[in-house]
Amino acid sequence: MNPSATTVLVLAGGDSPERDVSLESARGIAQALQTAGYAVLVADPARPEITPTADFDSIFARSRIAETPPEVDDYIARRAEFTRVLTAHQSYGIDVVFNGLHGGAGEDGTIQAVLDYIGVPYTGSGAGASSLAMDKQRSKFVAHACGVPVIDGVMLSASALGSGTLEQTIRESVGLPCVVKPNAGGSSVGLSVVRDFADLDEAARQAFRVGPDVLVERYIDGREITQAIVGGVSDIPVLEIRPKSGLYDYYHKYQSGQSEYLVPAPLDPAIAAAVRQSAQHTFDALGLSDYARIDFRLDGNGQHYLLEANTLPGFTATSLVPKACKHIGIDYADLCDRIVKLALAE
């Protein structure tokens, strides 16, 4: 494949709470692909008035990741307008879409289904697999059926807050401490660790602000580890994340210097091998494609538990998947190039 004869549309931003992270990911992707020789256009589904453009500044000029996620509106009218932009892909000469969106309609299969319908190749997993992976509870059921260890949990609907039965439900099913989080979402937006029942209602309210379903799981006191998977690459190491203080939340994820990353993770070889196996089993069971990041929690006995599968993980030059790949000699630009080629080969 000749990059100079290939036009890539990089999707950036979008209308999920992970918008700021997506803009930073997409900026890096666009620059890397341009350096590799591709013709690169960028577009933001939340700003459909800016048609696909080679003027990167029109999309990225004011982008930055703040300490807290942005307030966003998922206006259906904007989505409809952006869909019309995508259907005009032939007029822009677009050969493939590099999906740099995170969360929401960019990651839950919505954009993927539109691209499937109009016949445009794109990076990452397909619509059905993306939808399944975004649903934390359903994806864990599927992975667990394939032997992947998962954490005990219970799903809540918004009626649980008004019924007065929330505390009883958690006492009987999960206990404390527990993790309360949106069932569909990323970047730890709306996530809380609850150690006292007096804090449970507020934690649930924060999670329900992000989505209609909330997952409550037993809290695993241990280490945060993750495994990147990239098609055709077999030796990517497990990575460990160590926040400088407290929880690995939105702030510790995206503010420079707030977390430490160990590549490879200092693990017993047998534990590392088991984590890699569970990651691959999860990837295969969910029907994922091209690349993903599979997150786990590791307890004090060396037992790992699946947290979630990220079909469109953060992709700045310092994000976790690029960090892990860099350790085995795959630099950021080469990684972006590989993913484009995987999408075009399908």
C-alpha atoms as a PDB file:
ATOM      1  CA  MET A   1       0.000   0.000   0.000  1.00  0.00           C
ATOM      2  CA  ASN A   2       1.287   3.427  -0.966  1.00  0.00           C
ATOM      3  CA  PRO A   3       0.444   5.927   1.833  1.00  0.00           C
ATOM      4  CA  SER A   4       0.672   8.902  -0.516  1.00  0.00           C
ATOM      5  CA  ALA A   5      -2.170   7.423  -2.581  1.00  0.00           C
ATOM      6  CA  THR A   6      -4.365   6.877   0.503  1.00  0.00           C
ATOM      7  CA  THR A   7      -6.581   9.518   2.097  1.00  0.00           C
ATOM      8  CA  VAL A   8      -7.360   8.982   5.775  1.00  0.00           C
ATOM      9  CA  LEU A   9     -10.150  10.824   7.578  1.00  0.00           C
ATOM     10  CA  VAL A  10      -9.343  11.126  11.290  1.00  0.00           C
ATOM     11  CA  LEU A  11     -12.415  11.544  13.509  1.00  0.00           C
ATOM     12  CA  ALA A  12     -11.821  13.806  16.508  1.00  0.00           C
ATOM     13  CA  GLY A  13     -13.710  15.184  19.483  1.00  0.00           C
ATOM     14  CA  GLY A  14     -17.313  14.084  19.306  1.00  0.00           C
ATOM     15  CA  ASP A  15     -20.041  14.652  21.879  1.00  0.00           C
ATOM     16  CA  SER A  16     -19.112  12.316  24.762  1.00  0.00           C
ATOM     17  CA  PRO A  17     -17.565  13.395  28.097  1.00  0.00           C
ATOM     18  CA  GLU A  18     -14.288  12.032  26.705  1.00  0.00           C
ATOM     19  CA  ARG A  19     -14.270  14.718  24.003  1.00  0.00           C
ATOM     20  CA  ASP A  20     -11.104  16.472  25.236  1.00  0.00           C
ATOM     21  CA  VAL A  21      -9.165  13.202  25.341  1.00  0.00           C
ATOM     22  CA  SER A  22     -10.325  12.359  21.830  1.00  0.00           C
ATOM     23  CA  LEU A  23      -9.096  15.681  20.473  1.00  0.00           C
ATOM     24  CA  GLU A  24      -5.625  15.023  21.879  1.00  0.00           C
ATOM     25  CA  SER A  25      -5.604  11.442  20.580  1.00  0.00           C
ATOM     26  CA  ALA A  26      -6.754  12.498  17.124  1.00  0.00           C
ATOM     27  CA  ARG A  27      -4.252  15.351  16.924  1.00  0.00           C
ATOM     28  CA  GLY A  28      -1.399  12.881  17.462  1.00  0.00           C
ATOM     29  CA  ILE A  29      -2.854  10.353  15.046  1.00  0.00           C
ATOM     30  CA  ALA A  30      -3.347  12.950  12.297  1.00  0.00           C
ATOM     31  CA  GLN A  31       0.178  14.325  12.638  1.00  0.00           C
ATOM     32  CA  ALA A  32       1.721  10.845  12.718  1.00  0.00           C
ATOM     33  CA  LEU A  33      -0.137   9.693   9.608  1.00  0.00           C
ATOM     34  CA  GLN A  34       0.752  12.885   7.773  1.00  0.00           C
ATOM     35  CA  THR A  35       4.416  12.307   8.632  1.00  0.00           C
ATOM     36  CA  ALA A  36       4.087   8.725   7.339  1.00  0.00           C
ATOM     37  CA  GLY A  37       3.024  10.138   3.967  1.00  0.00           C
ATOM     38  CA  TYR A  38      -0.756   9.742   4.041  1.00  0.00           C
ATOM     39  CA  ALA A  39      -3.095  12.440   2.821  1.00  0.00           C
ATOM     40  CA  VAL A  40      -4.919  13.294   6.063  1.00  0.00           C
ATOM     41  CA  LEU A  41      -8.223  15.052   6.647  1.00  0.00           C
ATOM     42  CA  VAL A  42      -9.772  15.683  10.072  1.00  0.00           C
ATOM     43  CA  ALA A  43     -13.384  16.154  11.160  1.00  0.00           C
ATOM     44  CA  ASP A  44     -15.270  16.561  14.436  1.00  0.00           C
ATOM     45  CA  PRO A  45     -18.790  15.025  14.626  1.00  0.00           C
ATOM     46  CA  ALA A  46     -19.764  17.725  17.141  1.00  0.00           C
ATOM     47  CA  ARG A  47     -18.796  20.449  14.662  1.00  0.00           C
ATOM     48  CA  PRO A  48     -20.265  19.261  11.345  1.00  0.00           C
ATOM     49  CA  GLU A  49     -20.139  22.797   9.960  1.00  0.00           C
ATOM     50  CA  ILE A  50     -16.387  22.187   9.471  1.00  0.00           C
ATOM     51  CA  THR A  51     -16.311  19.701   6.622  1.00  0.00           C
ATOM     52  CA  PRO A  52     -13.347  17.270   6.388  1.00  0.00           C
ATOM     53  CA  THR A  53     -10.284  19.460   6.206  1.00  0.00           C
ATOM     54  CA  ALA A  54      -6.496  19.332   5.984  1.00  0.00           C
ATOM     55  CA  ASP A  55      -6.372  22.433   8.199  1.00  0.00           C
ATOM     56  CA  PHE A  56      -5.636  20.753  11.529  1.00  0.00           C
ATOM     57  CA  ASP A  57      -5.791  24.022  13.459  1.00  0.00           C
ATOM     58  CA  SER A  58      -9.471  24.435  12.632  1.00  0.00           C
ATOM     59  CA  ILE A  59     -10.158  21.346  14.780  1.00  0.00           C
ATOM     60  CA  PHE A  60      -7.314  21.265  17.312  1.00  0.00           C
ATOM     61  CA  ALA A  61      -6.283  24.896  17.876  1.00  0.00           C
ATOM     62  CA  ARG A  62      -7.905  25.244  21.311  1.00  0.00           C
ATOM     63  CA  SER A  63      -7.940  21.619  22.429  1.00  0.00           C
ATOM     64  CA  ARG A  64      -6.535  20.588  25.804  1.00  0.00           C
ATOM     65  CA  ILE A  65      -7.400  18.082  28.518  1.00  0.00           C
ATOM     66  CA  ALA A  66      -8.673  19.920  31.593  1.00  0.00           C
ATOM     67  CA  GLU A  67      -8.673  18.522  35.135  1.00  0.00           C
ATOM     68  CA  THR A  68     -12.323  17.510  34.816  1.00  0.00           C
ATOM     69  CA  PRO A  69     -14.322  16.193  31.840  1.00  0.00           C
ATOM     70  CA  PRO A  70     -16.221  18.732  29.747  1.00  0.00           C
ATOM     71  CA  GLU A  71     -19.971  19.259  29.759  1.00  0.00           C
ATOM     72  CA  VAL A  72     -21.314  18.092  26.398  1.00  0.00           C
ATOM     73  CA  ASP A  73     -24.614  17.930  24.564  1.00  0.00           C
ATOM     74  CA  ASP A  74     -25.335  14.973  22.273  1.00  0.00           C
ATOM     75  CA  TYR A  75     -27.502  16.898  19.847  1.00  0.00           C
ATOM     76  CA  ILE A  76     -29.191  14.525  17.415  1.00  0.00           C
ATOM     77  CA  ALA A  77     -29.358  17.312  14.821  1.00  0.00           C
ATOM     78  CA  ARG A  78     -25.566  17.548  14.772  1.00  0.00           C
ATOM     79  CA  ARG A  79     -25.278  13.811  14.405  1.00  0.00           C
ATOM     80  CA  ALA A  80     -27.692  13.855  11.487  1.00  0.00           C
ATOM     81  CA  GLU A  81     -25.718  16.636   9.824  1.00  0.00           C
ATOM     82  CA  PHE A  82     -22.433  14.809  10.354  1.00  0.00           C
ATOM     83  CA  THR A  83     -23.922  11.644   8.882  1.00  0.00           C
ATOM     84  CA  ARG A  84     -24.616  13.630   5.731  1.00  0.00           C
ATOM     85  CA  VAL A  85     -20.943  14.691   5.742  1.00  0.00           C
ATOM     86  CA  LEU A  86     -19.875  11.035   5.917  1.00  0.00           C
ATOM     87  CA  THR A  87     -22.178   9.997   3.083  1.00  0.00           C
ATOM     88  CA  ALA A  88     -20.318  12.492   0.891  1.00  0.00           C
ATOM     89  CA  HIS A  89     -17.038  10.620   1.497  1.00  0.00           C
ATOM     90  CA  GLN A  90     -16.405  10.012  -2.189  1.00  0.00           C
ATOM     91  CA  SER A  91     -16.333  13.741  -2.902  1.00  0.00           C
ATOM     92  CA  TYR A  92     -13.472  14.077  -0.402  1.00  0.00           C
ATOM     93  CA  GLY A  93     -11.632  11.034  -1.772  1.00  0.00           C
ATOM     94  CA  ILE A  94     -11.669   9.280   1.632  1.00  0.00           C
ATOM     95  CA  ASP A  95     -10.269   5.747   1.527  1.00  0.00           C
ATOM     96  CA  VAL A  96     -10.400   4.872   5.225  1.00  0.00           C
ATOM     97  CA  VAL A  97     -11.499   6.415   8.519  1.00  0.00           C
ATOM     98  CA  PHE A  98      -9.211   6.396  11.547  1.00  0.00           C
ATOM     99  CA  ASN A  99     -11.646   6.579  14.437  1.00  0.00           C
ATOM    100  CA  GLY A 100     -10.033   8.759  17.103  1.00  0.00           C
ATOM    101  CA  LEU A 101     -13.265   9.183  19.080  1.00  0.00           C
ATOM    102  CA  HIS A 102     -13.658   7.930  22.661  1.00  0.00           C
ATOM    103  CA  GLY A 103     -16.894   6.977  24.403  1.00  0.00           C
ATOM    104  CA  GLY A 104     -20.500   7.670  23.463  1.00  0.00           C
ATOM    105  CA  ALA A 105     -21.670   7.366  19.871  1.00  0.00           C
ATOM    106  CA  GLY A 106     -18.064   7.238  18.671  1.00  0.00           C
ATOM    107  CA  GLU A 107     -17.272   4.020  20.517  1.00  0.00           C
ATOM    108  CA  ASP A 108     -20.586   2.257  21.152  1.00  0.00           C
ATOM    109  CA  GLY A 109     -21.133   1.071  17.576  1.00  0.00           C
ATOM    110  CA  THR A 110     -23.180   4.031  16.323  1.00  0.00           C
ATOM    111  CA  ILE A 111     -20.537   5.621  14.071  1.00  0.00           C
ATOM    112  CA  GLN A 112     -19.320   2.159  13.126  1.00  0.00           C
ATOM    113  CA  ALA A 113     -22.806   1.163  11.921  1.00  0.00           C
ATOM    114  CA  VAL A 114     -23.057   4.311   9.785  1.00  0.00           C
ATOM    115  CA  LEU A 115     -19.671   3.607   8.199  1.00  0.00           C
ATOM    116  CA  ASP A 116     -20.636  -0.014   7.572  1.00  0.00           C
ATOM    117  CA  TYR A 117     -23.857   1.111   5.905  1.00  0.00           C
ATOM    118  CA  ILE A 118     -22.125   3.503   3.520  1.00  0.00           C
ATOM    119  CA  GLY A 119     -19.234   1.099   2.874  1.00  0.00           C
ATOM    120  CA  VAL A 120     -16.272   3.019   4.278  1.00  0.00           C
ATOM    121  CA  PRO A 121     -13.451   1.024   5.944  1.00  0.00           C
ATOM    122  CA  TYR A 122     -12.511   2.171   9.448  1.00  0.00           C
ATOM    123  CA  THR A 123     -10.090   1.339  12.230  1.00  0.00           C
ATOM    124  CA  GLY A 124     -11.062  -0.595  15.320  1.00  0.00           C
ATOM    125  CA  SER A 125     -13.851  -3.034  16.026  1.00  0.00           C
ATOM    126  CA  GLY A 126     -17.120  -3.397  14.139  1.00  0.00           C
ATOM    127  CA  ALA A 127     -20.501  -2.093  15.230  1.00  0.00           C
ATOM    128  CA  GLY A 128     -21.723  -5.191  17.055  1.00  0.00           C
ATOM    129  CA  ALA A 129     -18.456  -5.820  18.901  1.00  0.00           C
ATOM    130  CA  SER A 130     -18.158  -2.146  19.822  1.00  0.00           C
ATOM    131  CA  SER A 131     -21.678  -2.130  21.258  1.00  0.00           C
ATOM    132  CA  LEU A 132     -21.007  -5.285  23.267  1.00  0.00           C
ATOM    133  CA  ALA A 133     -17.689  -4.058  24.671  1.00  0.00           C
ATOM    134  CA  MET A 134     -19.204  -0.720  25.699  1.00  0.00           C
ATOM    135  CA  ASP A 135     -21.713  -2.579  27.875  1.00  0.00           C
ATOM    136  CA  LYS A 136     -19.500  -3.542  30.820  1.00  0.00           C
ATOM    137  CA  GLN A 137     -21.903  -6.031  32.340  1.00  0.00           C
ATOM    138  CA  ARG A 138     -22.772  -7.898  29.131  1.00  0.00           C
ATOM    139  CA  SER A 139     -19.149  -8.019  27.981  1.00  0.00           C
ATOM    140  CA  LYS A 140     -18.116  -9.515  31.331  1.00  0.00           C
ATOM    141  CA  PHE A 141     -20.781 -12.201  31.028  1.00  0.00           C
ATOM    142  CA  VAL A 142     -19.362 -13.161  27.627  1.00  0.00           C
ATOM    143  CA  ALA A 143     -15.725 -13.059  28.773  1.00  0.00           C
ATOM    144  CA  HIS A 144     -16.496 -15.024  31.940  1.00  0.00           C
ATOM    145  CA  ALA A 145     -18.115 -17.755  29.855  1.00  0.00           C
ATOM    146  CA  CYS A 146     -14.705 -18.126  28.189  1.00  0.00           C
ATOM    147  CA  GLY A 147     -12.902 -18.515  31.508  1.00  0.00           C
ATOM    148  CA  VAL A 148     -11.881 -14.913  32.190  1.00  0.00           C
ATOM    149  CA  PRO A 149     -12.115 -13.990  35.904  1.00  0.00           C
ATOM    150  CA  VAL A 150     -14.573 -11.148  36.601  1.00  0.00           C
ATOM    151  CA  ILE A 151     -15.662  -9.152  39.658  1.00  0.00           C
ATOM    152  CA  ASP A 152     -18.983  -9.713  41.427  1.00  0.00           C
ATOM    153  CA  GLY A 153     -21.411  -6.924  40.597  1.00  0.00           C
ATOM    154  CA  VAL A 154     -24.999  -5.808  40.220  1.00  0.00           C
ATOM    155  CA  MET A 155     -26.727  -3.544  37.679  1.00  0.00           C
ATOM    156  CA  LEU A 156     -28.911  -0.663  38.826  1.00  0.00           C
ATOM    157  CA  SER A 157     -31.564   1.363  37.037  1.00  0.00           C
ATOM    158  CA  ALA A 158     -32.435   4.937  38.020  1.00  0.00           C
ATOM    159  CA  SER A 159     -35.491   3.717  39.945  1.00  0.00           C
ATOM    160  CA  ALA A 160     -33.147   2.280  42.589  1.00  0.00           C
ATOM    161  CA  LEU A 161     -32.491   5.786  43.922  1.00  0.00           C
ATOM    162  CA  GLY A 162     -36.151   6.600  44.483  1.00  0.00           C
ATOM    163  CA  SER A 163     -37.181   3.220  45.825  1.00  0.00           C
ATOM    164  CA  GLY A 164     -35.138   3.456  49.011  1.00  0.00           C
ATOM    165  CA  THR A 165     -33.777  -0.069  48.466  1.00  0.00           C
ATOM    166  CA  LEU A 166     -30.320   0.836  47.134  1.00  0.00           C
ATOM    167  CA  GLU A 167     -28.426   0.231  50.378  1.00  0.00           C
ATOM    168  CA  GLN A 168     -30.162  -3.084  50.976  1.00  0.00           C
ATOM    169  CA  THR A 169     -29.414  -4.215  47.425  1.00  0.00           C
ATOM    170  CA  ILE A 170     -25.710  -3.474  47.780  1.00  0.00           C
ATOM    171  CA  ARG A 171     -25.502  -5.011  51.262  1.00  0.00           C
ATOM    172  CA  GLU A 172     -26.984  -8.252  49.965  1.00  0.00           C
ATOM    173  CA  SER A 173     -25.105  -8.460  46.659  1.00  0.00           C
ATOM    174  CA  VAL A 174     -21.735  -6.700  46.740  1.00  0.00           C
ATOM    175  CA  GLY A 175     -20.999  -5.207  50.156  1.00  0.00           C
ATOM    176  CA  LEU A 176     -18.442  -2.518  50.936  1.00  0.00           C
ATOM    177  CA  PRO A 177     -16.149  -1.220  49.729  1.00  0.00           C
ATOM    178  CA  CYS A 178     -17.618  -1.117  46.249  1.00  0.00           C
ATOM    179  CA  VAL A 179     -17.091   0.669  42.939  1.00  0.00           C
ATOM    180  CA  VAL A 180     -20.039   2.594  41.474  1.00  0.00           C
ATOM    181  CA  LYS A 181     -19.737   3.512  37.796  1.00  0.00           C
ATOM    182  CA  PRO A 182     -21.719   4.016  34.599  1.00  0.00           C
ATOM    183  CA  ASN A 183     -22.247   0.720  32.799  1.00  0.00           C
ATOM    184  CA  ALA A 184     -21.304   2.347  29.501  1.00  0.00           C
ATOM    185  CA  GLY A 185     -18.551   4.924  29.674  1.00  0.00           C
ATOM    186  CA  GLY A 186     -14.830   5.431  30.011  1.00  0.00           C
ATOM    187  CA  SER A 187     -12.039   7.556  31.453  1.00  0.00           C
ATOM    188  CA  SER A 188     -13.471   6.962  34.952  1.00  0.00           C
ATOM    189  CA  VAL A 189     -16.115   9.641  34.347  1.00  0.00           C
ATOM    190  CA  GLY A 190     -18.828   9.222  36.993  1.00  0.00           C
ATOM    191  CA  LEU A 191     -16.866   6.554  38.881  1.00  0.00           C
ATOM    192  CA  SER A 192     -16.634   6.449  42.701  1.00  0.00           C
ATOM    193  CA  VAL A 193     -15.256   4.083  45.321  1.00  0.00           C
ATOM    194  CA  VAL A 194     -17.733   3.859  48.198  1.00  0.00           C
ATOM    195  CA  ARG A 195     -16.509   2.835  51.644  1.00  0.00           C
ATOM    196  CA  ASP A 196     -19.469   4.091  53.680  1.00  0.00           C
ATOM    197  CA  PHE A 197     -23.166   3.522  52.925  1.00  0.00           C
ATOM    198  CA  ALA A 198     -23.778   7.206  53.696  1.00  0.00           C
ATOM    199  CA  ASP A 199     -21.949   8.012  50.416  1.00  0.00           C
ATOM    200  CA  LEU A 200     -23.757   5.460  48.258  1.00  0.00           C
ATOM    201  CA  ASP A 201     -26.676   7.586  47.008  1.00  0.00           C
ATOM    202  CA  GLU A 202     -24.442  10.455  45.888  1.00  0.00           C
ATOM    203  CA  ALA A 203     -22.076   8.064  44.116  1.00  0.00           C
ATOM    204  CA  ALA A 204     -25.048   6.553  42.277  1.00  0.00           C
ATOM    205  CA  ARG A 205     -26.355  10.006  41.323  1.00  0.00           C
ATOM    206  CA  GLN A 206     -22.970  10.928  39.821  1.00  0.00           C
ATOM    207  CA  ALA A 207     -22.918   7.739  37.777  1.00  0.00           C
ATOM    208  CA  PHE A 208     -26.514   8.175  36.586  1.00  0.00           C
ATOM    209  CA  ARG A 209     -25.605  11.644  35.250  1.00  0.00           C
ATOM    210  CA  VAL A 210     -23.426   9.850  32.696  1.00  0.00           C
ATOM    211  CA  GLY A 211     -25.840   7.113  31.628  1.00  0.00           C
ATOM    212  CA  PRO A 212     -29.126   5.323  32.388  1.00  0.00           C
ATOM    213  CA  ASP A 213     -27.547   2.167  33.830  1.00  0.00           C
ATOM    214  CA  VAL A 214     -25.071   1.909  36.688  1.00  0.00           C
ATOM    215  CA  LEU A 215     -22.829  -1.015  37.586  1.00  0.00           C
ATOM    216  CA  VAL A 216     -21.817  -1.619  41.215  1.00  0.00           C
ATOM    217  CA  GLU A 217     -18.944  -4.026  41.782  1.00  0.00           C
ATOM    218  CA  ARG A 218     -16.945  -5.342  44.692  1.00  0.00           C
ATOM    219  CA  TYR A 219     -13.830  -3.207  45.146  1.00  0.00           C
ATOM    220  CA  ILE A 220     -10.581  -5.119  44.623  1.00  0.00           C
ATOM    221  CA  ASP A 221      -7.804  -3.695  46.776  1.00  0.00           C
ATOM    222  CA  GLY A 222      -4.804  -4.178  44.534  1.00  0.00           C
ATOM    223  CA  ARG A 223      -2.983  -3.056  41.408  1.00  0.00           C
ATOM    224  CA  GLU A 224      -4.192  -1.571  38.113  1.00  0.00           C
ATOM    225  CA  ILE A 225      -2.799  -3.396  35.068  1.00  0.00           C
ATOM    226  CA  THR A 226      -3.610  -3.389  31.384  1.00  0.00           C
ATOM    227  CA  GLN A 227      -2.810  -5.368  28.257  1.00  0.00           C
ATOM    228  CA  ALA A 228      -2.713  -3.845  24.793  1.00  0.00           C
ATOM    229  CA  ILE A 229      -3.602  -5.997  21.800  1.00  0.00           C
ATOM    230  CA  VAL A 230      -2.650  -5.018  18.240  1.00  0.00           C
ATOM    231  CA  GLY A 231      -3.276  -7.313  15.304  1.00  0.00           C
ATOM    232  CA  GLY A 232      -0.120  -9.088  14.152  1.00  0.00           C
ATOM    233  CA  VAL A 233       1.905  -8.163  17.248  1.00  0.00           C
ATOM    234  CA  SER A 234       2.428 -10.961  19.766  1.00  0.00           C
ATOM    235  CA  ASP A 235       4.844  -9.707  22.414  1.00  0.00           C
ATOM    236  CA  ILE A 236       3.284  -6.526  23.854  1.00  0.00           C
ATOM    237  CA  PRO A 237       4.016  -6.477  27.618  1.00  0.00           C
ATOM    238  CA  VAL A 238       1.560  -6.006  30.466  1.00  0.00           C
ATOM    239  CA  LEU A 239       1.638  -2.433  31.776  1.00  0.00           C
ATOM    240  CA  GLU A 240       1.016  -1.333  35.373  1.00  0.00           C
ATOM    241  CA  ILE A 241      -0.470   2.037  36.355  1.00  0.00           C
ATOM    242  CA  ARG A 242       0.361   3.582  39.719  1.00  0.00           C
ATOM    243  CA  PRO A 243      -1.449   6.843  40.516  1.00  0.00           C
ATOM    244  CA  LYS A 244       0.599   9.151  42.718  1.00  0.00           C
ATOM    245  CA  SER A 245      -2.319   9.404  45.154  1.00  0.00           C
ATOM    246  CA  GLY A 246      -5.796   7.945  45.539  1.00  0.00           C
ATOM    247  CA  LEU A 247      -7.850   6.525  42.685  1.00  0.00           C
ATOM    248  CA  TYR A 248      -6.772   6.291  39.045  1.00  0.00           C
ATOM    249  CA  ASP A 249      -9.516   8.720  38.043  1.00  0.00           C
ATOM    250  CA  TYR A 250      -9.925  11.253  35.220  1.00  0.00           C
ATOM    251  CA  TYR A 251      -7.511  13.680  36.888  1.00  0.00           C
ATOM    252  CA  HIS A 252      -4.799  11.073  37.478  1.00  0.00           C
ATOM    253  CA  LYS A 253      -5.237   9.687  33.973  1.00  0.00           C
ATOM    254  CA  TYR A 254      -4.779  12.896  32.047  1.00  0.00           C
ATOM    255  CA  GLN A 255      -2.836  15.406  34.131  1.00  0.00           C
ATOM    256  CA  SER A 256       0.892  15.153  33.561  1.00  0.00           C
ATOM    257  CA  GLY A 257       2.926  13.627  36.364  1.00  0.00           C
ATOM    258  CA  GLN A 258      -0.036  12.315  38.373  1.00  0.00           C
ATOM    259  CA  SER A 259       0.594   8.638  37.637  1.00  0.00           C
ATOM    260  CA  GLU A 260       3.550   6.334  37.102  1.00  0.00           C
ATOM    261  CA  TYR A 261       3.593   3.697  34.353  1.00  0.00           C
ATOM    262  CA  LEU A 262       5.694   0.546  34.558  1.00  0.00           C
ATOM    263  CA  VAL A 263       6.460  -1.286  31.300  1.00  0.00           C
ATOM    264  CA  PRO A 264       6.694  -4.200  31.597  1.00  0.00           C
ATOM    265  CA  ALA A 265       4.713  -4.520  34.815  1.00  0.00           C
ATOM    266  CA  PRO A 266       6.798  -6.091  37.606  1.00  0.00           C
ATOM    267  CA  LEU A 267       4.876  -9.370  37.716  1.00  0.00           C
ATOM    268  CA  ASP A 268       5.701 -13.009  38.218  1.00  0.00           C
ATOM    269  CA  PRO A 269       6.020 -14.463  34.677  1.00  0.00           C
ATOM    270  CA  ALA A 270       3.171 -16.903  35.321  1.00  0.00           C
ATOM    271  CA  ILE A 271       0.836 -14.088  36.401  1.00  0.00           C
ATOM    272  CA  ALA A 272       1.803 -11.966  33.384  1.00  0.00           C
ATOM    273  CA  ALA A 273       1.142 -14.908  31.072  1.00  0.00           C
ATOM    274  CA  ALA A 274      -2.269 -15.494  32.649  1.00  0.00           C
ATOM    275  CA  VAL A 275      -3.184 -11.821  32.191  1.00  0.00           C
ATOM    276  CA  ARG A 276      -2.127 -11.873  28.543  1.00  0.00           C
ATOM    277  CA  GLN A 277      -4.167 -15.024  27.985  1.00  0.00           C
ATOM    278  CA  SER A 278      -7.267 -13.504  29.598  1.00  0.00           C
ATOM    279  CA  ALA A 279      -6.833 -10.364  27.500  1.00  0.00           C
ATOM    280  CA  GLN A 280      -6.677 -12.381  24.282  1.00  0.00           C
ATOM    281  CA  HIS A 281      -9.648 -14.504  25.321  1.00  0.00           C
ATOM    282  CA  THR A 282     -11.637 -11.329  26.027  1.00  0.00           C
ATOM    283  CA  PHE A 283     -10.629  -9.795  22.690  1.00  0.00           C
ATOM    284  CA  ASP A 284     -11.659 -12.936  20.813  1.00  0.00           C
ATOM    285  CA  ALA A 285     -14.864 -13.581  22.780  1.00  0.00           C
ATOM    286  CA  LEU A 286     -16.161 -10.064  22.165  1.00  0.00           C
ATOM    287  CA  GLY A 287     -15.284 -10.248  18.465  1.00  0.00           C
ATOM    288  CA  LEU A 288     -12.920  -7.258  18.596  1.00  0.00           C
ATOM    289  CA  SER A 289     -10.752  -6.182  15.659  1.00  0.00           C
ATOM    290  CA  ASP A 290      -7.479  -4.384  14.901  1.00  0.00           C
ATOM    291  CA  TYR A 291      -6.535  -3.208  18.392  1.00  0.00           C
ATOM    292  CA  ALA A 292      -7.867  -2.757  21.909  1.00  0.00           C
ATOM    293  CA  ARG A 293      -6.792  -2.330  25.519  1.00  0.00           C
ATOM    294  CA  ILE A 294      -8.042  -4.791  28.120  1.00  0.00           C
ATOM    295  CA  ASP A 295      -7.960  -3.539  31.732  1.00  0.00           C
ATOM    296  CA  PHE A 296      -7.633  -5.671  34.851  1.00  0.00           C
ATOM    297  CA  ARG A 297      -7.395  -5.383  38.609  1.00  0.00           C
ATOM    298  CA  LEU A 298      -4.812  -7.579  40.376  1.00  0.00           C
ATOM    299  CA  ASP A 299      -5.387  -8.513  44.020  1.00  0.00           C
ATOM    300  CA  GLY A 300      -2.791  -9.232  46.693  1.00  0.00           C
ATOM    301  CA  ASN A 301      -2.844 -12.952  45.919  1.00  0.00           C
ATOM    302  CA  GLY A 302      -1.926 -12.419  42.276  1.00  0.00           C
ATOM    303  CA  GLN A 303      -5.442 -13.078  40.964  1.00  0.00           C
ATOM    304  CA  HIS A 304      -6.471 -10.823  38.092  1.00  0.00           C
ATOM    305  CA  TYR A 305     -10.030  -9.682  37.319  1.00  0.00           C
ATOM    306  CA  LEU A 306     -11.378  -8.135  34.124  1.00  0.00           C
ATOM    307  CA  LEU A 307     -12.430  -4.495  34.461  1.00  0.00           C
ATOM    308  CA  GLU A 308     -13.340  -3.657  30.872  1.00  0.00           C
ATOM    309  CA  ALA A 309     -12.372  -3.859  27.215  1.00  0.00           C
ATOM    310  CA  ASN A 310     -11.576  -0.546  25.507  1.00  0.00           C
ATOM    311  CA  THR A 311     -12.182  -0.718  21.770  1.00  0.00           C
ATOM    312  CA  LEU A 312     -10.942   2.846  21.202  1.00  0.00           C
ATOM    313  CA  PRO A 313      -8.379   3.422  23.958  1.00  0.00           C
ATOM    314  CA  GLY A 314      -6.589   6.714  24.489  1.00  0.00           C
ATOM    315  CA  PHE A 315      -4.123   7.323  21.669  1.00  0.00           C
ATOM    316  CA  THR A 316      -1.938  10.271  22.491  1.00  0.00           C
ATOM    317  CA  ALA A 317       1.783   9.601  22.119  1.00  0.00           C
ATOM    318  CA  THR A 318       1.953   8.994  25.884  1.00  0.00           C
ATOM    319  CA  SER A 319      -1.224   6.887  26.216  1.00  0.00           C
ATOM    320  CA  LEU A 320      -1.042   3.320  27.489  1.00  0.00           C
ATOM    321  CA  VAL A 321      -1.206   1.398  24.201  1.00  0.00           C
ATOM    322  CA  PRO A 322       1.547   3.492  22.551  1.00  0.00           C
ATOM    323  CA  LYS A 323       3.650   3.211  25.740  1.00  0.00           C
ATOM    324  CA  ALA A 324       3.433  -0.579  25.747  1.00  0.00           C
ATOM    325  CA  CYS A 325       4.180  -0.826  22.014  1.00  0.00           C
ATOM    326  CA  LYS A 326       7.126   1.553  22.270  1.00  0.00           C
ATOM    327  CA  HIS A 327       8.762  -0.868  24.718  1.00  0.00           C
ATOM    328  CA  ILE A 328       9.011  -3.479  21.944  1.00  0.00           C
ATOM    329  CA  GLY A 329      10.267  -1.035  19.333  1.00  0.00           C
ATOM    330  CA  ILE A 330       7.009   0.038  17.680  1.00  0.00           C
ATOM    331  CA  ASP A 331       7.001   3.824  17.734  1.00  0.00           C
ATOM    332  CA  TYR A 332       3.863   5.948  17.657  1.00  0.00           C
ATOM    333  CA  ALA A 333       3.922   6.705  13.928  1.00  0.00           C
ATOM    334  CA  ASP A 334       4.512   3.042  13.040  1.00  0.00           C
ATOM    335  CA  LEU A 335       1.651   2.010  15.343  1.00  0.00           C
ATOM    336  CA  CYS A 336      -0.779   4.401  13.630  1.00  0.00           C
ATOM    337  CA  ASP A 337       0.388   3.164  10.228  1.00  0.00           C
ATOM    338  CA  ARG A 338      -0.094  -0.478  11.265  1.00  0.00           C
ATOM    339  CA  ILE A 339      -3.654   0.191  12.402  1.00  0.00           C
ATOM    340  CA  VAL A 340      -4.581   1.886   9.117  1.00  0.00           C
ATOM    341  CA  LYS A 341      -3.215  -1.102   7.218  1.00  0.00           C
ATOM    342  CA  LEU A 342      -5.195  -3.507   9.424  1.00  0.00           C
ATOM    343  CA  ALA A 343      -8.393  -1.584   8.620  1.00  0.00           C
ATOM    344  CA  LEU A 344      -7.722  -1.609   4.874  1.00  0.00           C
ATOM    345  CA  ALA A 345      -6.889  -5.339   4.904  1.00  0.00           C
ATOM    346  CA  GLU A 346     -10.310  -6.355   6.270  1.00  0.00           C
END
